[in-house]
Amino acid sequence: MARAFLVVHGIVQGVGYRSFVRSVALKNGVRGFVRNSEDGSVHVLAESDPDRLRRFIEEIRVDTKSGPQVFKIDIENERAERYSGLDFSGFVIRR
């Protein structure tokens, strides 16, 4: 099992990005959560087997003219470890 904490930068709030991330997670069998951050980024905690997790991260890198535009995804493994005691049964959008 692999776990990653992602900070997604770009035009990713107010454009349906969290719902998009959740749908990609469910399609790929990824558990965790997605939430908006006060600084305008989106935070994602994702866990799955390494291949599915890698595929999930690649699929949430979108670049469209109308809708979400991801400029950069930072992977912060130190922050992922903070959630090591939590057990996720699905993938949720947190407010």
C-alpha atoms as a PDB file:
ATOM      1  CA  MET A   1       0.000   0.000   0.000  1.00  0.00           C
ATOM      2  CA  ALA A   2       1.311   3.438  -0.952  1.00  0.00           C
ATOM      3  CA  ARG A   3       0.111   6.783   0.346  1.00  0.00           C
ATOM      4  CA  ALA A   4       0.748  10.307  -0.960  1.00  0.00           C
ATOM      5  CA  PHE A   5      -0.243  13.792   0.132  1.00  0.00           C
ATOM      6  CA  LEU A   6      -0.597  16.052  -2.904  1.00  0.00           C
ATOM      7  CA  VAL A   7      -0.814  19.833  -3.080  1.00  0.00           C
ATOM      8  CA  VAL A   8      -2.345  20.789  -6.425  1.00  0.00           C
ATOM      9  CA  HIS A   9      -1.659  24.333  -7.657  1.00  0.00           C
ATOM     10  CA  GLY A  10      -3.446  26.134 -10.478  1.00  0.00           C
ATOM     11  CA  ILE A  11      -7.007  27.055 -11.344  1.00  0.00           C
ATOM     12  CA  VAL A  12      -8.497  24.260  -9.262  1.00  0.00           C
ATOM     13  CA  GLN A  13     -11.112  25.885  -7.007  1.00  0.00           C
ATOM     14  CA  GLY A  14     -14.625  26.718  -8.133  1.00  0.00           C
ATOM     15  CA  VAL A  15     -14.314  24.677 -11.339  1.00  0.00           C
ATOM     16  CA  GLY A  16     -15.402  21.172 -10.229  1.00  0.00           C
ATOM     17  CA  TYR A  17     -11.891  19.869  -9.650  1.00  0.00           C
ATOM     18  CA  ARG A  18     -12.647  18.111  -6.350  1.00  0.00           C
ATOM     19  CA  SER A  19     -15.498  16.165  -7.949  1.00  0.00           C
ATOM     20  CA  PHE A  20     -13.224  15.301 -10.860  1.00  0.00           C
ATOM     21  CA  VAL A  21     -10.512  14.042  -8.465  1.00  0.00           C
ATOM     22  CA  ARG A  22     -13.060  11.922  -6.598  1.00  0.00           C
ATOM     23  CA  SER A  23     -14.329  10.326  -9.830  1.00  0.00           C
ATOM     24  CA  VAL A  24     -10.759   9.506 -10.931  1.00  0.00           C
ATOM     25  CA  ALA A  25     -10.047   8.055  -7.483  1.00  0.00           C
ATOM     26  CA  LEU A  26     -13.121   5.832  -7.556  1.00  0.00           C
ATOM     27  CA  LYS A  27     -12.293   4.656 -11.082  1.00  0.00           C
ATOM     28  CA  ASN A  28      -8.766   3.703 -10.006  1.00  0.00           C
ATOM     29  CA  GLY A  29      -9.607   2.147  -6.627  1.00  0.00           C
ATOM     30  CA  VAL A  30      -7.896   4.931  -4.654  1.00  0.00           C
ATOM     31  CA  ARG A  31      -8.994   5.777  -1.094  1.00  0.00           C
ATOM     32  CA  GLY A  32      -8.562   9.053   0.813  1.00  0.00           C
ATOM     33  CA  PHE A  33      -9.873  12.596   0.525  1.00  0.00           C
ATOM     34  CA  VAL A  34      -9.716  15.851  -1.420  1.00  0.00           C
ATOM     35  CA  ARG A  35     -10.288  19.330   0.046  1.00  0.00           C
ATOM     36  CA  ASN A  36      -9.809  22.988  -0.803  1.00  0.00           C
ATOM     37  CA  SER A  37      -7.048  24.849   0.988  1.00  0.00           C
ATOM     38  CA  GLU A  38      -7.240  28.462   2.124  1.00  0.00           C
ATOM     39  CA  ASP A  39      -4.296  29.386  -0.119  1.00  0.00           C
ATOM     40  CA  GLY A  40      -6.214  28.465  -3.309  1.00  0.00           C
ATOM     41  CA  SER A  41      -4.617  25.060  -3.791  1.00  0.00           C
ATOM     42  CA  VAL A  42      -6.325  21.692  -3.403  1.00  0.00           C
ATOM     43  CA  HIS A  43      -5.058  19.026  -0.988  1.00  0.00           C
ATOM     44  CA  VAL A  44      -5.378  15.330  -1.797  1.00  0.00           C
ATOM     45  CA  LEU A  45      -4.522  12.388   0.440  1.00  0.00           C
ATOM     46  CA  ALA A  46      -4.540   9.235  -1.653  1.00  0.00           C
ATOM     47  CA  GLU A  47      -3.704   5.614  -0.928  1.00  0.00           C
ATOM     48  CA  SER A  48      -3.686   2.515  -3.079  1.00  0.00           C
ATOM     49  CA  ASP A  49      -1.198   0.091  -4.531  1.00  0.00           C
ATOM     50  CA  PRO A  50       1.768   1.907  -6.145  1.00  0.00           C
ATOM     51  CA  ASP A  51       0.685   1.358  -9.772  1.00  0.00           C
ATOM     52  CA  ARG A  52      -2.873   2.582  -9.200  1.00  0.00           C
ATOM     53  CA  LEU A  53      -1.624   5.549  -7.189  1.00  0.00           C
ATOM     54  CA  ARG A  54       0.795   6.539  -9.961  1.00  0.00           C
ATOM     55  CA  ARG A  55      -1.996   6.261 -12.574  1.00  0.00           C
ATOM     56  CA  PHE A  56      -4.325   8.362 -10.369  1.00  0.00           C
ATOM     57  CA  ILE A  57      -1.730  11.141 -10.023  1.00  0.00           C
ATOM     58  CA  GLU A  58      -1.160  11.223 -13.776  1.00  0.00           C
ATOM     59  CA  GLU A  59      -4.903  11.375 -14.505  1.00  0.00           C
ATOM     60  CA  ILE A  60      -5.577  14.312 -12.164  1.00  0.00           C
ATOM     61  CA  ARG A  61      -2.987  16.404 -14.036  1.00  0.00           C
ATOM     62  CA  VAL A  62      -5.398  18.231 -16.331  1.00  0.00           C
ATOM     63  CA  ASP A  63      -4.785  21.199 -18.577  1.00  0.00           C
ATOM     64  CA  THR A  64      -7.932  22.473 -20.228  1.00  0.00           C
ATOM     65  CA  LYS A  65      -8.926  25.900 -21.413  1.00  0.00           C
ATOM     66  CA  SER A  66     -12.374  25.726 -19.810  1.00  0.00           C
ATOM     67  CA  GLY A  67     -12.264  24.269 -16.325  1.00  0.00           C
ATOM     68  CA  PRO A  68      -9.467  23.053 -14.059  1.00  0.00           C
ATOM     69  CA  GLN A  69      -5.909  23.931 -15.016  1.00  0.00           C
ATOM     70  CA  VAL A  70      -3.242  22.207 -12.943  1.00  0.00           C
ATOM     71  CA  PHE A  71       0.062  24.054 -12.993  1.00  0.00           C
ATOM     72  CA  LYS A  72       1.959  21.906 -10.509  1.00  0.00           C
ATOM     73  CA  ILE A  73       1.438  18.953  -8.156  1.00  0.00           C
ATOM     74  CA  ASP A  74       3.729  18.762  -5.123  1.00  0.00           C
ATOM     75  CA  ILE A  75       4.005  15.366  -3.444  1.00  0.00           C
ATOM     76  CA  GLU A  76       4.626  15.822   0.274  1.00  0.00           C
ATOM     77  CA  ASN A  77       5.358  12.428   1.818  1.00  0.00           C
ATOM     78  CA  GLU A  78       6.104  13.970   5.207  1.00  0.00           C
ATOM     79  CA  ARG A  79       2.522  15.248   5.383  1.00  0.00           C
ATOM     80  CA  ALA A  80       1.194  11.870   4.215  1.00  0.00           C
ATOM     81  CA  GLU A  81       2.790  10.274   7.267  1.00  0.00           C
ATOM     82  CA  ARG A  82       0.672  12.493   9.537  1.00  0.00           C
ATOM     83  CA  TYR A  83      -2.355  10.513   8.376  1.00  0.00           C
ATOM     84  CA  SER A  84      -0.756   7.082   8.854  1.00  0.00           C
ATOM     85  CA  GLY A  85      -3.127   6.194  11.699  1.00  0.00           C
ATOM     86  CA  LEU A  86      -6.267   6.748   9.610  1.00  0.00           C
ATOM     87  CA  ASP A  87      -8.006   3.977   7.712  1.00  0.00           C
ATOM     88  CA  PHE A  88      -9.983   5.047   4.650  1.00  0.00           C
ATOM     89  CA  SER A  89     -12.768   2.907   3.218  1.00  0.00           C
ATOM     90  CA  GLY A  90     -13.494   5.138   0.212  1.00  0.00           C
ATOM     91  CA  PHE A  91     -12.704   8.536  -1.265  1.00  0.00           C
ATOM     92  CA  VAL A  92     -14.502  11.631   0.024  1.00  0.00           C
ATOM     93  CA  ILE A  93     -14.679  15.353  -0.659  1.00  0.00           C
ATOM     94  CA  ARG A  94     -14.009  17.274   2.538  1.00  0.00           C
ATOM     95  CA  ARG A  95     -15.296  20.779   3.059  1.00  0.00           C
END
